[in-house]
Amino acid sequence: MPTLLLVSHPFEAPIKTMEAKVSEKWPSGDFVYEPKWDGFRSVSWSGPDRRIDSRNQRPLLRYFPELRPALEQLPDGTVVDGEIVVVVGGATDFDALQQRIHPAESRITMLSEETPAELVAFDLLADRGTDLREAPFSERREQLVALASDLELPWHLTPQTDDPEVARAWFDEFEPAGCDGIIAKRPELSYQHGKRAMIKIKHRRTIDVVVGGFREHKDGGKIGSLLLGLFNDQGDFHFIGHCSGFPNADRVEIYNRFMDLRAAESFDEAARAPGGPSRWSSGKEDNSWVPVQPGVVVEVSYDQLEGDRFRHASRFHRWRPDKDAQQCTMDQLERPEGASFREVVAD
């Protein structure tokens, strides 16, 4: 019998991914536009040494064993840039995705069956041993579309348009599906490892929230971050996120202000840290913070919600001494309605 020769990849793994710089304005000029999905960046490699790498060049396949058959669908010598997502209730669920990064194999196996991951492809770096990185993105996209026609679930091809008005509509209509913004790319763009060569247009909304506590700056005697909350329908205070990034000249004044407002007693455990201390720790050892009586209102902006909290740090805009804290309720949070994930990526 003839020997089956495997095609090798034209470059070695892992690689640095091409990144995007964030903008709140739409670019002008010749661009194509794609949804930005809320997941883990992934570079998928075919062949006998199948692997999926993160943007930090760390192996991910251990945490997503159910994706191994998806790699088997790729022709030998093929490398696909994309996103790993977990879809729950018609939308990508980042909390469910994060739970997959766990040291226990038994838990990973259980979650891979309960909430299986899927792959969204948006760039093709190598095709059957041919290096495509120097080719213009328009050519890479054309070959990716051809490749995707032969791929089955859990693969998806992300939509694309060259019409900015369509992209603006996607910006709002696709948000309920887990689209956290729009990526703009130049059609002539080569793949530029490690560079912010694309543009990401992100959602940004303002909201009035109540300060419920603070963390001291690592230097001491200055504000580090403010912990923020809203009142729910039962009148309970629910922590929703934090803001930081204050000018250094203001940190001492803000710190002294909230030191004077320290709560006589801590809130109960449920109010202090809903969902557990990890919401505030970010992996750091020092989880300490100082509670204050919830009365100071601030206006902040945020880019994305994850459940009932801000996904990322919010941005401080101004103090709101004119607003009563009890007016700052959970119903301020916008819950966009629109297409589901599967409707967006449907062939």
C-alpha atoms as a PDB file:
ATOM      1  CA  MET A   1       0.000   0.000   0.000  1.00  0.00           C
ATOM      2  CA  PRO A   2       1.238   3.514  -0.729  1.00  0.00           C
ATOM      3  CA  THR A   3       2.413   5.544   2.271  1.00  0.00           C
ATOM      4  CA  LEU A   4       0.249   8.527   3.171  1.00  0.00           C
ATOM      5  CA  LEU A   5       2.476  11.592   3.432  1.00  0.00           C
ATOM      6  CA  LEU A   6       1.418  14.245   5.914  1.00  0.00           C
ATOM      7  CA  VAL A   7       1.793  17.900   4.991  1.00  0.00           C
ATOM      8  CA  SER A   8       3.694  19.879   7.603  1.00  0.00           C
ATOM      9  CA  HIS A   9       2.883  23.408   8.709  1.00  0.00           C
ATOM     10  CA  PRO A  10       4.960  26.113   7.010  1.00  0.00           C
ATOM     11  CA  PHE A  11       5.853  27.719  10.382  1.00  0.00           C
ATOM     12  CA  GLU A  12       6.260  26.515  13.937  1.00  0.00           C
ATOM     13  CA  ALA A  13       3.825  26.709  16.815  1.00  0.00           C
ATOM     14  CA  PRO A  14       3.032  28.647  18.896  1.00  0.00           C
ATOM     15  CA  ILE A  15       2.712  32.108  17.338  1.00  0.00           C
ATOM     16  CA  LYS A  16       1.852  35.606  18.463  1.00  0.00           C
ATOM     17  CA  THR A  17      -1.617  36.596  17.306  1.00  0.00           C
ATOM     18  CA  MET A  18      -2.466  39.806  15.497  1.00  0.00           C
ATOM     19  CA  GLU A  19      -4.378  42.109  17.841  1.00  0.00           C
ATOM     20  CA  ALA A  20      -6.719  45.100  17.641  1.00  0.00           C
ATOM     21  CA  LYS A  21      -6.573  48.563  19.118  1.00  0.00           C
ATOM     22  CA  VAL A  22      -9.792  49.708  20.789  1.00  0.00           C
ATOM     23  CA  SER A  23     -11.754  52.649  19.436  1.00  0.00           C
ATOM     24  CA  GLU A  24     -15.098  54.188  20.282  1.00  0.00           C
ATOM     25  CA  LYS A  25     -15.261  55.792  16.841  1.00  0.00           C
ATOM     26  CA  TRP A  26     -15.845  54.131  13.494  1.00  0.00           C
ATOM     27  CA  PRO A  27     -12.871  54.343  11.126  1.00  0.00           C
ATOM     28  CA  SER A  28     -13.102  55.981   7.736  1.00  0.00           C
ATOM     29  CA  GLY A  29     -11.741  54.455   4.577  1.00  0.00           C
ATOM     30  CA  ASP A  30     -11.655  51.018   3.016  1.00  0.00           C
ATOM     31  CA  PHE A  31     -12.442  48.391   5.672  1.00  0.00           C
ATOM     32  CA  VAL A  32     -14.239  45.106   6.072  1.00  0.00           C
ATOM     33  CA  TYR A  33     -16.114  44.392   9.295  1.00  0.00           C
ATOM     34  CA  GLU A  34     -16.710  41.315  11.457  1.00  0.00           C
ATOM     35  CA  PRO A  35     -18.390  40.683  14.824  1.00  0.00           C
ATOM     36  CA  LYS A  36     -16.034  40.339  17.799  1.00  0.00           C
ATOM     37  CA  TRP A  37     -17.176  37.283  19.762  1.00  0.00           C
ATOM     38  CA  ASP A  38     -16.887  37.070  23.536  1.00  0.00           C
ATOM     39  CA  GLY A  39     -14.618  34.063  23.949  1.00  0.00           C
ATOM     40  CA  PHE A  40     -11.017  32.851  24.136  1.00  0.00           C
ATOM     41  CA  ARG A  41      -8.748  33.709  21.220  1.00  0.00           C
ATOM     42  CA  SER A  42      -7.566  30.465  19.652  1.00  0.00           C
ATOM     43  CA  VAL A  43      -5.096  29.347  16.994  1.00  0.00           C
ATOM     44  CA  SER A  44      -6.012  25.851  15.761  1.00  0.00           C
ATOM     45  CA  TRP A  45      -3.424  23.539  14.195  1.00  0.00           C
ATOM     46  CA  SER A  46      -4.169  20.395  12.176  1.00  0.00           C
ATOM     47  CA  GLY A  47      -2.060  17.287  11.719  1.00  0.00           C
ATOM     48  CA  PRO A  48      -0.749  14.574  14.039  1.00  0.00           C
ATOM     49  CA  ASP A  49       0.351  17.159  16.622  1.00  0.00           C
ATOM     50  CA  ARG A  50      -3.036  18.815  16.801  1.00  0.00           C
ATOM     51  CA  ARG A  51      -3.177  21.764  19.162  1.00  0.00           C
ATOM     52  CA  ILE A  52      -5.077  24.907  20.073  1.00  0.00           C
ATOM     53  CA  ASP A  53      -3.090  27.849  21.466  1.00  0.00           C
ATOM     54  CA  SER A  54      -4.239  30.961  23.285  1.00  0.00           C
ATOM     55  CA  ARG A  55      -3.217  34.508  22.418  1.00  0.00           C
ATOM     56  CA  ASN A  56      -0.595  34.090  25.162  1.00  0.00           C
ATOM     57  CA  GLN A  57       0.771  31.049  23.278  1.00  0.00           C
ATOM     58  CA  ARG A  58      -0.445  28.624  25.941  1.00  0.00           C
ATOM     59  CA  PRO A  59      -1.983  25.244  25.041  1.00  0.00           C
ATOM     60  CA  LEU A  60      -5.774  25.084  25.445  1.00  0.00           C
ATOM     61  CA  LEU A  61      -6.753  21.678  24.100  1.00  0.00           C
ATOM     62  CA  ARG A  62      -6.427  20.053  27.538  1.00  0.00           C
ATOM     63  CA  TYR A  63      -9.311  22.217  28.742  1.00  0.00           C
ATOM     64  CA  PHE A  64     -11.449  21.603  25.653  1.00  0.00           C
ATOM     65  CA  PRO A  65     -11.049  17.915  24.764  1.00  0.00           C
ATOM     66  CA  GLU A  66     -14.354  17.946  22.865  1.00  0.00           C
ATOM     67  CA  LEU A  67     -12.686  20.171  20.230  1.00  0.00           C
ATOM     68  CA  ARG A  68     -10.150  17.528  19.191  1.00  0.00           C
ATOM     69  CA  PRO A  69     -12.514  16.106  16.519  1.00  0.00           C
ATOM     70  CA  ALA A  70     -12.900  19.643  15.140  1.00  0.00           C
ATOM     71  CA  LEU A  71      -9.158  19.774  14.519  1.00  0.00           C
ATOM     72  CA  GLU A  72      -9.391  16.450  12.725  1.00  0.00           C
ATOM     73  CA  GLN A  73     -11.656  18.129  10.168  1.00  0.00           C
ATOM     74  CA  LEU A  74      -8.864  20.486   9.108  1.00  0.00           C
ATOM     75  CA  PRO A  75      -6.653  19.429   6.197  1.00  0.00           C
ATOM     76  CA  ASP A  76      -3.049  18.685   7.141  1.00  0.00           C
ATOM     77  CA  GLY A  77      -0.809  21.749   7.245  1.00  0.00           C
ATOM     78  CA  THR A  78      -3.675  24.143   8.078  1.00  0.00           C
ATOM     79  CA  VAL A  79      -3.723  26.857  10.752  1.00  0.00           C
ATOM     80  CA  VAL A  80      -6.919  28.748  11.622  1.00  0.00           C
ATOM     81  CA  ASP A  81      -7.184  31.875  13.765  1.00  0.00           C
ATOM     82  CA  GLY A  82     -10.435  32.234  15.660  1.00  0.00           C
ATOM     83  CA  GLU A  83     -12.288  32.151  18.947  1.00  0.00           C
ATOM     84  CA  ILE A  84     -13.414  29.443  21.348  1.00  0.00           C
ATOM     85  CA  VAL A  85     -16.930  30.140  22.643  1.00  0.00           C
ATOM     86  CA  VAL A  86     -19.450  28.448  24.886  1.00  0.00           C
ATOM     87  CA  VAL A  87     -23.054  29.161  23.907  1.00  0.00           C
ATOM     88  CA  VAL A  88     -25.769  29.115  26.562  1.00  0.00           C
ATOM     89  CA  GLY A  89     -29.312  30.322  25.977  1.00  0.00           C
ATOM     90  CA  GLY A  90     -28.556  31.615  22.493  1.00  0.00           C
ATOM     91  CA  ALA A  91     -25.537  33.749  23.498  1.00  0.00           C
ATOM     92  CA  THR A  92     -21.868  33.251  24.208  1.00  0.00           C
ATOM     93  CA  ASP A  93     -21.317  32.817  27.946  1.00  0.00           C
ATOM     94  CA  PHE A  94     -17.905  33.936  29.169  1.00  0.00           C
ATOM     95  CA  ASP A  95     -18.518  32.757  32.734  1.00  0.00           C
ATOM     96  CA  ALA A  96     -19.185  29.225  31.485  1.00  0.00           C
ATOM     97  CA  LEU A  97     -16.097  29.467  29.297  1.00  0.00           C
ATOM     98  CA  GLN A  98     -13.867  30.520  32.197  1.00  0.00           C
ATOM     99  CA  GLN A  99     -15.028  27.566  34.269  1.00  0.00           C
ATOM    100  CA  ARG A 100     -13.312  25.272  31.770  1.00  0.00           C
ATOM    101  CA  ILE A 101      -9.852  26.431  32.899  1.00  0.00           C
ATOM    102  CA  HIS A 102      -9.679  24.029  35.819  1.00  0.00           C
ATOM    103  CA  PRO A 103      -6.934  21.709  37.135  1.00  0.00           C
ATOM    104  CA  ALA A 104      -9.238  18.709  37.656  1.00  0.00           C
ATOM    105  CA  GLU A 105      -9.622  16.550  34.560  1.00  0.00           C
ATOM    106  CA  SER A 106     -12.871  15.095  35.901  1.00  0.00           C
ATOM    107  CA  ARG A 107     -14.448  18.550  36.085  1.00  0.00           C
ATOM    108  CA  ILE A 108     -13.233  19.433  32.601  1.00  0.00           C
ATOM    109  CA  THR A 109     -14.748  16.216  31.260  1.00  0.00           C
ATOM    110  CA  MET A 110     -18.061  16.912  32.974  1.00  0.00           C
ATOM    111  CA  LEU A 111     -18.256  20.491  31.659  1.00  0.00           C
ATOM    112  CA  SER A 112     -17.209  19.447  28.159  1.00  0.00           C
ATOM    113  CA  GLU A 113     -20.375  17.358  28.078  1.00  0.00           C
ATOM    114  CA  GLU A 114     -22.674  19.841  29.823  1.00  0.00           C
ATOM    115  CA  THR A 115     -21.503  23.011  28.037  1.00  0.00           C
ATOM    116  CA  PRO A 116     -19.458  21.950  24.990  1.00  0.00           C
ATOM    117  CA  ALA A 117     -17.295  24.593  23.365  1.00  0.00           C
ATOM    118  CA  GLU A 118     -17.461  25.696  19.740  1.00  0.00           C
ATOM    119  CA  LEU A 119     -15.037  27.364  17.346  1.00  0.00           C
ATOM    120  CA  VAL A 120     -15.536  30.545  15.326  1.00  0.00           C
ATOM    121  CA  ALA A 121     -13.050  30.989  12.466  1.00  0.00           C
ATOM    122  CA  PHE A 122     -12.086  34.448  11.232  1.00  0.00           C
ATOM    123  CA  ASP A 123      -8.649  34.101   9.592  1.00  0.00           C
ATOM    124  CA  LEU A 124      -6.621  31.478   7.748  1.00  0.00           C
ATOM    125  CA  LEU A 125      -2.845  31.556   8.279  1.00  0.00           C
ATOM    126  CA  ALA A 126      -1.870  28.359   6.492  1.00  0.00           C
ATOM    127  CA  ASP A 127      -3.772  26.163   4.060  1.00  0.00           C
ATOM    128  CA  ARG A 128      -2.538  22.635   3.343  1.00  0.00           C
ATOM    129  CA  GLY A 129       1.080  23.616   3.942  1.00  0.00           C
ATOM    130  CA  THR A 130       0.935  26.989   2.148  1.00  0.00           C
ATOM    131  CA  ASP A 131       1.887  30.020   4.245  1.00  0.00           C
ATOM    132  CA  LEU A 132      -0.783  32.699   3.779  1.00  0.00           C
ATOM    133  CA  ARG A 133       0.433  35.253   6.320  1.00  0.00           C
ATOM    134  CA  GLU A 134       1.870  37.651   3.740  1.00  0.00           C
ATOM    135  CA  ALA A 135      -1.204  37.428   1.506  1.00  0.00           C
ATOM    136  CA  PRO A 136      -3.740  40.258   1.787  1.00  0.00           C
ATOM    137  CA  PHE A 137      -6.587  39.562   4.186  1.00  0.00           C
ATOM    138  CA  SER A 138      -9.101  39.594   1.316  1.00  0.00           C
ATOM    139  CA  GLU A 139      -7.331  36.560  -0.190  1.00  0.00           C
ATOM    140  CA  ARG A 140      -7.053  34.794   3.160  1.00  0.00           C
ATOM    141  CA  ARG A 141     -10.763  35.359   3.731  1.00  0.00           C
ATOM    142  CA  GLU A 142     -11.626  33.921   0.311  1.00  0.00           C
ATOM    143  CA  GLN A 143      -9.663  30.752   1.082  1.00  0.00           C
ATOM    144  CA  LEU A 144     -11.167  30.576   4.585  1.00  0.00           C
ATOM    145  CA  VAL A 145     -14.676  30.686   3.113  1.00  0.00           C
ATOM    146  CA  ALA A 146     -13.765  27.819   0.782  1.00  0.00           C
ATOM    147  CA  LEU A 147     -12.316  25.820   3.681  1.00  0.00           C
ATOM    148  CA  ALA A 148     -15.321  26.509   5.915  1.00  0.00           C
ATOM    149  CA  SER A 149     -17.690  25.063   3.314  1.00  0.00           C
ATOM    150  CA  ASP A 150     -16.226  21.643   4.144  1.00  0.00           C
ATOM    151  CA  LEU A 151     -16.261  22.078   7.931  1.00  0.00           C
ATOM    152  CA  GLU A 152     -19.072  20.950  10.199  1.00  0.00           C
ATOM    153  CA  LEU A 153     -20.030  21.751  13.788  1.00  0.00           C
ATOM    154  CA  PRO A 154     -18.519  22.812  16.108  1.00  0.00           C
ATOM    155  CA  TRP A 155     -16.925  25.063  13.466  1.00  0.00           C
ATOM    156  CA  HIS A 156     -18.545  28.368  12.489  1.00  0.00           C
ATOM    157  CA  LEU A 157     -17.438  31.032  10.027  1.00  0.00           C
ATOM    158  CA  THR A 158     -17.854  34.546  11.364  1.00  0.00           C
ATOM    159  CA  PRO A 159     -19.921  36.887   9.127  1.00  0.00           C
ATOM    160  CA  GLN A 160     -18.227  39.688   7.209  1.00  0.00           C
ATOM    161  CA  THR A 161     -19.380  42.805   5.357  1.00  0.00           C
ATOM    162  CA  ASP A 162     -17.719  45.693   3.557  1.00  0.00           C
ATOM    163  CA  ASP A 163     -20.763  47.909   4.110  1.00  0.00           C
ATOM    164  CA  PRO A 164     -20.251  50.183   7.156  1.00  0.00           C
ATOM    165  CA  GLU A 165     -23.998  50.679   7.537  1.00  0.00           C
ATOM    166  CA  VAL A 166     -24.527  46.932   7.792  1.00  0.00           C
ATOM    167  CA  ALA A 167     -21.693  46.774  10.336  1.00  0.00           C
ATOM    168  CA  ARG A 168     -23.328  49.535  12.400  1.00  0.00           C
ATOM    169  CA  ALA A 169     -26.540  47.516  12.411  1.00  0.00           C
ATOM    170  CA  TRP A 170     -24.620  44.415  13.516  1.00  0.00           C
ATOM    171  CA  PHE A 171     -23.075  46.435  16.328  1.00  0.00           C
ATOM    172  CA  ASP A 172     -26.482  46.650  17.993  1.00  0.00           C
ATOM    173  CA  GLU A 173     -28.372  43.671  16.595  1.00  0.00           C
ATOM    174  CA  PHE A 174     -25.699  41.060  17.327  1.00  0.00           C
ATOM    175  CA  GLU A 175     -24.940  42.162  20.887  1.00  0.00           C
ATOM    176  CA  PRO A 176     -27.525  39.791  22.445  1.00  0.00           C
ATOM    177  CA  ALA A 177     -25.761  36.893  20.692  1.00  0.00           C
ATOM    178  CA  GLY A 178     -22.483  37.657  22.501  1.00  0.00           C
ATOM    179  CA  CYS A 179     -20.951  40.114  20.063  1.00  0.00           C
ATOM    180  CA  ASP A 180     -19.006  42.591  22.207  1.00  0.00           C
ATOM    181  CA  GLY A 181     -18.045  44.896  19.345  1.00  0.00           C
ATOM    182  CA  ILE A 182     -17.050  45.053  15.692  1.00  0.00           C
ATOM    183  CA  ILE A 183     -13.589  44.368  14.259  1.00  0.00           C
ATOM    184  CA  ALA A 184     -12.519  46.523  11.298  1.00  0.00           C
ATOM    185  CA  LYS A 185      -9.765  45.194   9.012  1.00  0.00           C
ATOM    186  CA  ARG A 186      -8.053  46.543   5.936  1.00  0.00           C
ATOM    187  CA  PRO A 187      -8.599  44.182   2.973  1.00  0.00           C
ATOM    188  CA  GLU A 188      -4.922  44.465   2.015  1.00  0.00           C
ATOM    189  CA  LEU A 189      -3.710  43.678   5.551  1.00  0.00           C
ATOM    190  CA  SER A 190      -1.068  40.970   5.939  1.00  0.00           C
ATOM    191  CA  TYR A 191      -1.005  38.961   9.160  1.00  0.00           C
ATOM    192  CA  GLN A 192       1.111  40.989  11.572  1.00  0.00           C
ATOM    193  CA  HIS A 193       2.124  38.938  14.590  1.00  0.00           C
ATOM    194  CA  GLY A 194       1.866  40.710  17.929  1.00  0.00           C
ATOM    195  CA  LYS A 195       0.816  44.037  16.425  1.00  0.00           C
ATOM    196  CA  ARG A 196      -2.430  45.936  16.957  1.00  0.00           C
ATOM    197  CA  ALA A 197      -3.130  46.154  13.260  1.00  0.00           C
ATOM    198  CA  MET A 198      -6.935  45.889  13.439  1.00  0.00           C
ATOM    199  CA  ILE A 199      -9.534  48.183  15.020  1.00  0.00           C
ATOM    200  CA  LYS A 200     -12.127  47.090  17.557  1.00  0.00           C
ATOM    201  CA  ILE A 201     -15.182  49.322  17.976  1.00  0.00           C
ATOM    202  CA  LYS A 202     -16.656  48.672  21.420  1.00  0.00           C
ATOM    203  CA  HIS A 203     -19.939  49.418  23.136  1.00  0.00           C
ATOM    204  CA  ARG A 204     -19.803  52.123  25.801  1.00  0.00           C
ATOM    205  CA  ARG A 205     -22.727  53.022  28.080  1.00  0.00           C
ATOM    206  CA  THR A 206     -22.982  55.356  31.041  1.00  0.00           C
ATOM    207  CA  ILE A 207     -24.728  54.514  34.300  1.00  0.00           C
ATOM    208  CA  ASP A 208     -25.138  56.008  37.778  1.00  0.00           C
ATOM    209  CA  VAL A 209     -23.842  53.691  40.506  1.00  0.00           C
ATOM    210  CA  VAL A 210     -23.252  53.841  44.252  1.00  0.00           C
ATOM    211  CA  VAL A 211     -19.869  53.521  45.973  1.00  0.00           C
ATOM    212  CA  GLY A 212     -20.013  50.660  48.471  1.00  0.00           C
ATOM    213  CA  GLY A 213     -16.356  50.343  49.326  1.00  0.00           C
ATOM    214  CA  PHE A 214     -12.806  51.018  48.248  1.00  0.00           C
ATOM    215  CA  ARG A 215      -9.376  49.510  48.029  1.00  0.00           C
ATOM    216  CA  GLU A 216      -6.291  51.347  49.136  1.00  0.00           C
ATOM    217  CA  HIS A 217      -3.546  51.947  46.580  1.00  0.00           C
ATOM    218  CA  LYS A 218      -0.483  49.722  46.880  1.00  0.00           C
ATOM    219  CA  ASP A 219       1.562  52.820  47.810  1.00  0.00           C
ATOM    220  CA  GLY A 220      -0.691  53.449  50.821  1.00  0.00           C
ATOM    221  CA  GLY A 221      -2.658  56.558  51.754  1.00  0.00           C
ATOM    222  CA  LYS A 222      -4.244  56.827  48.293  1.00  0.00           C
ATOM    223  CA  ILE A 223      -7.344  55.455  46.629  1.00  0.00           C
ATOM    224  CA  GLY A 224      -6.748  52.364  44.544  1.00  0.00           C
ATOM    225  CA  SER A 225     -10.216  51.540  43.258  1.00  0.00           C
ATOM    226  CA  LEU A 226     -13.843  52.159  44.153  1.00  0.00           C
ATOM    227  CA  LEU A 227     -16.206  49.209  44.481  1.00  0.00           C
ATOM    228  CA  LEU A 228     -19.586  49.967  42.946  1.00  0.00           C
ATOM    229  CA  GLY A 229     -23.111  48.703  43.419  1.00  0.00           C
ATOM    230  CA  LEU A 230     -26.790  49.049  42.570  1.00  0.00           C
ATOM    231  CA  PHE A 231     -29.971  48.357  44.514  1.00  0.00           C
ATOM    232  CA  ASN A 232     -32.128  45.454  43.375  1.00  0.00           C
ATOM    233  CA  ASP A 233     -35.930  45.220  43.480  1.00  0.00           C
ATOM    234  CA  GLN A 234     -35.845  44.099  47.122  1.00  0.00           C
ATOM    235  CA  GLY A 235     -33.746  47.090  48.141  1.00  0.00           C
ATOM    236  CA  ASP A 236     -30.609  44.984  48.670  1.00  0.00           C
ATOM    237  CA  PHE A 237     -27.251  46.414  47.645  1.00  0.00           C
ATOM    238  CA  HIS A 238     -25.613  44.368  44.894  1.00  0.00           C
ATOM    239  CA  PHE A 239     -21.985  44.918  43.942  1.00  0.00           C
ATOM    240  CA  ILE A 240     -21.577  45.260  40.199  1.00  0.00           C
ATOM    241  CA  GLY A 241     -17.942  46.184  39.550  1.00  0.00           C
ATOM    242  CA  HIS A 242     -15.204  48.668  40.192  1.00  0.00           C
ATOM    243  CA  CYS A 243     -13.458  51.685  38.729  1.00  0.00           C
ATOM    244  CA  SER A 244      -9.888  52.877  39.043  1.00  0.00           C
ATOM    245  CA  GLY A 245      -7.454  54.898  36.971  1.00  0.00           C
ATOM    246  CA  PHE A 246      -7.863  58.129  38.928  1.00  0.00           C
ATOM    247  CA  PRO A 247      -5.322  60.942  38.381  1.00  0.00           C
ATOM    248  CA  ASN A 248      -2.541  60.629  40.927  1.00  0.00           C
ATOM    249  CA  ALA A 249      -3.147  64.200  42.094  1.00  0.00           C
ATOM    250  CA  ASP A 250      -6.685  63.259  43.192  1.00  0.00           C
ATOM    251  CA  ARG A 251      -5.977  59.902  44.840  1.00  0.00           C
ATOM    252  CA  VAL A 252      -5.147  61.245  48.321  1.00  0.00           C
ATOM    253  CA  GLU A 253      -8.229  63.512  48.421  1.00  0.00           C
ATOM    254  CA  ILE A 254     -10.545  60.688  47.302  1.00  0.00           C
ATOM    255  CA  TYR A 255      -8.966  58.310  49.824  1.00  0.00           C
ATOM    256  CA  ASN A 256      -9.454  60.735  52.703  1.00  0.00           C
ATOM    257  CA  ARG A 257     -13.035  61.370  51.657  1.00  0.00           C
ATOM    258  CA  PHE A 258     -13.978  57.706  51.797  1.00  0.00           C
ATOM    259  CA  MET A 259     -11.975  57.057  54.955  1.00  0.00           C
ATOM    260  CA  ASP A 260     -14.396  59.493  56.580  1.00  0.00           C
ATOM    261  CA  LEU A 261     -17.338  57.517  55.165  1.00  0.00           C
ATOM    262  CA  ARG A 262     -16.268  54.097  56.390  1.00  0.00           C
ATOM    263  CA  ALA A 263     -19.175  51.939  57.465  1.00  0.00           C
ATOM    264  CA  ALA A 264     -19.474  51.331  61.199  1.00  0.00           C
ATOM    265  CA  GLU A 265     -20.255  47.678  60.436  1.00  0.00           C
ATOM    266  CA  SER A 266     -19.432  45.517  57.439  1.00  0.00           C
ATOM    267  CA  PHE A 267     -22.212  44.394  55.160  1.00  0.00           C
ATOM    268  CA  ASP A 268     -23.216  40.759  55.481  1.00  0.00           C
ATOM    269  CA  GLU A 269     -21.160  38.271  53.487  1.00  0.00           C
ATOM    270  CA  ALA A 270     -23.654  37.982  50.622  1.00  0.00           C
ATOM    271  CA  ALA A 271     -23.717  41.724  50.080  1.00  0.00           C
ATOM    272  CA  ARG A 272     -19.970  42.166  50.465  1.00  0.00           C
ATOM    273  CA  ALA A 273     -18.907  39.735  47.812  1.00  0.00           C
ATOM    274  CA  PRO A 274     -21.696  38.215  45.731  1.00  0.00           C
ATOM    275  CA  GLY A 275     -20.393  35.221  43.880  1.00  0.00           C
ATOM    276  CA  GLY A 276     -17.328  34.951  46.108  1.00  0.00           C
ATOM    277  CA  PRO A 277     -14.148  36.927  46.730  1.00  0.00           C
ATOM    278  CA  SER A 278     -12.724  36.007  43.330  1.00  0.00           C
ATOM    279  CA  ARG A 279     -14.918  38.648  41.702  1.00  0.00           C
ATOM    280  CA  TRP A 280     -12.631  41.249  43.247  1.00  0.00           C
ATOM    281  CA  SER A 281      -9.359  39.421  43.715  1.00  0.00           C
ATOM    282  CA  SER A 282      -8.357  38.900  40.065  1.00  0.00           C
ATOM    283  CA  GLY A 283      -5.961  36.272  41.296  1.00  0.00           C
ATOM    284  CA  LYS A 284      -4.245  38.571  43.778  1.00  0.00           C
ATOM    285  CA  GLU A 285      -3.533  37.474  47.309  1.00  0.00           C
ATOM    286  CA  ASP A 286      -4.798  40.655  48.972  1.00  0.00           C
ATOM    287  CA  ASN A 287      -8.586  40.727  48.748  1.00  0.00           C
ATOM    288  CA  SER A 288      -9.034  43.332  51.492  1.00  0.00           C
ATOM    289  CA  TRP A 289     -11.290  46.303  50.972  1.00  0.00           C
ATOM    290  CA  VAL A 290     -13.003  48.861  53.150  1.00  0.00           C
ATOM    291  CA  PRO A 291     -16.829  49.053  53.134  1.00  0.00           C
ATOM    292  CA  VAL A 292     -18.548  52.450  53.207  1.00  0.00           C
ATOM    293  CA  GLN A 293     -22.191  53.304  53.756  1.00  0.00           C
ATOM    294  CA  PRO A 294     -23.703  53.315  50.244  1.00  0.00           C
ATOM    295  CA  GLY A 295     -24.611  56.953  49.690  1.00  0.00           C
ATOM    296  CA  VAL A 296     -22.111  58.490  47.256  1.00  0.00           C
ATOM    297  CA  VAL A 297     -23.273  58.328  43.627  1.00  0.00           C
ATOM    298  CA  VAL A 298     -20.907  58.422  40.663  1.00  0.00           C
ATOM    299  CA  GLU A 299     -21.431  58.256  36.915  1.00  0.00           C
ATOM    300  CA  VAL A 300     -19.270  55.677  35.151  1.00  0.00           C
ATOM    301  CA  SER A 301     -19.185  54.108  31.724  1.00  0.00           C
ATOM    302  CA  TYR A 302     -18.835  50.417  30.969  1.00  0.00           C
ATOM    303  CA  ASP A 303     -18.293  48.372  27.863  1.00  0.00           C
ATOM    304  CA  GLN A 304     -19.905  45.031  28.623  1.00  0.00           C
ATOM    305  CA  LEU A 305     -22.009  43.120  31.131  1.00  0.00           C
ATOM    306  CA  GLU A 306     -21.399  39.586  32.319  1.00  0.00           C
ATOM    307  CA  GLY A 307     -24.551  38.538  34.111  1.00  0.00           C
ATOM    308  CA  ASP A 308     -25.278  41.277  36.650  1.00  0.00           C
ATOM    309  CA  ARG A 309     -21.841  42.833  36.804  1.00  0.00           C
ATOM    310  CA  PHE A 310     -19.397  44.770  34.666  1.00  0.00           C
ATOM    311  CA  ARG A 311     -17.140  42.471  32.684  1.00  0.00           C
ATOM    312  CA  HIS A 312     -14.209  44.914  32.858  1.00  0.00           C
ATOM    313  CA  ALA A 313     -13.284  47.897  35.005  1.00  0.00           C
ATOM    314  CA  SER A 314     -15.611  50.831  34.446  1.00  0.00           C
ATOM    315  CA  ARG A 315     -14.444  54.348  33.631  1.00  0.00           C
ATOM    316  CA  PHE A 316     -15.081  57.178  36.094  1.00  0.00           C
ATOM    317  CA  HIS A 317     -16.843  60.213  34.606  1.00  0.00           C
ATOM    318  CA  ARG A 318     -18.106  62.454  37.432  1.00  0.00           C
ATOM    319  CA  TRP A 319     -19.530  62.662  40.928  1.00  0.00           C
ATOM    320  CA  ARG A 320     -23.333  62.904  41.156  1.00  0.00           C
ATOM    321  CA  PRO A 321     -24.144  64.748  44.436  1.00  0.00           C
ATOM    322  CA  ASP A 322     -27.522  65.668  42.916  1.00  0.00           C
ATOM    323  CA  LYS A 323     -28.742  62.070  42.781  1.00  0.00           C
ATOM    324  CA  ASP A 324     -30.121  59.959  45.609  1.00  0.00           C
ATOM    325  CA  ALA A 325     -28.411  56.599  46.020  1.00  0.00           C
ATOM    326  CA  GLN A 326     -31.735  54.721  46.212  1.00  0.00           C
ATOM    327  CA  GLN A 327     -32.476  55.845  42.649  1.00  0.00           C
ATOM    328  CA  CYS A 328     -29.528  53.791  41.393  1.00  0.00           C
ATOM    329  CA  THR A 329     -31.236  50.495  40.660  1.00  0.00           C
ATOM    330  CA  MET A 330     -30.523  47.402  38.600  1.00  0.00           C
ATOM    331  CA  ASP A 331     -33.127  48.343  35.998  1.00  0.00           C
ATOM    332  CA  GLN A 332     -30.616  50.849  34.579  1.00  0.00           C
ATOM    333  CA  LEU A 333     -28.750  47.927  33.052  1.00  0.00           C
ATOM    334  CA  GLU A 334     -29.537  47.621  29.353  1.00  0.00           C
ATOM    335  CA  ARG A 335     -30.452  44.136  28.187  1.00  0.00           C
ATOM    336  CA  PRO A 336     -30.297  44.325  24.386  1.00  0.00           C
ATOM    337  CA  GLU A 337     -32.605  42.118  22.360  1.00  0.00           C
ATOM    338  CA  GLY A 338     -31.916  40.668  18.954  1.00  0.00           C
ATOM    339  CA  ALA A 339     -30.534  37.685  17.084  1.00  0.00           C
ATOM    340  CA  SER A 340     -29.141  34.610  18.828  1.00  0.00           C
ATOM    341  CA  PHE A 341     -25.613  33.332  18.220  1.00  0.00           C
ATOM    342  CA  ARG A 342     -26.770  30.513  15.971  1.00  0.00           C
ATOM    343  CA  GLU A 343     -28.910  32.868  13.913  1.00  0.00           C
ATOM    344  CA  VAL A 344     -25.887  35.121  13.352  1.00  0.00           C
ATOM    345  CA  VAL A 345     -23.480  32.364  12.305  1.00  0.00           C
ATOM    346  CA  ALA A 346     -26.042  30.301  10.374  1.00  0.00           C
ATOM    347  CA  ASP A 347     -24.921  29.333   6.877  1.00  0.00           C
END
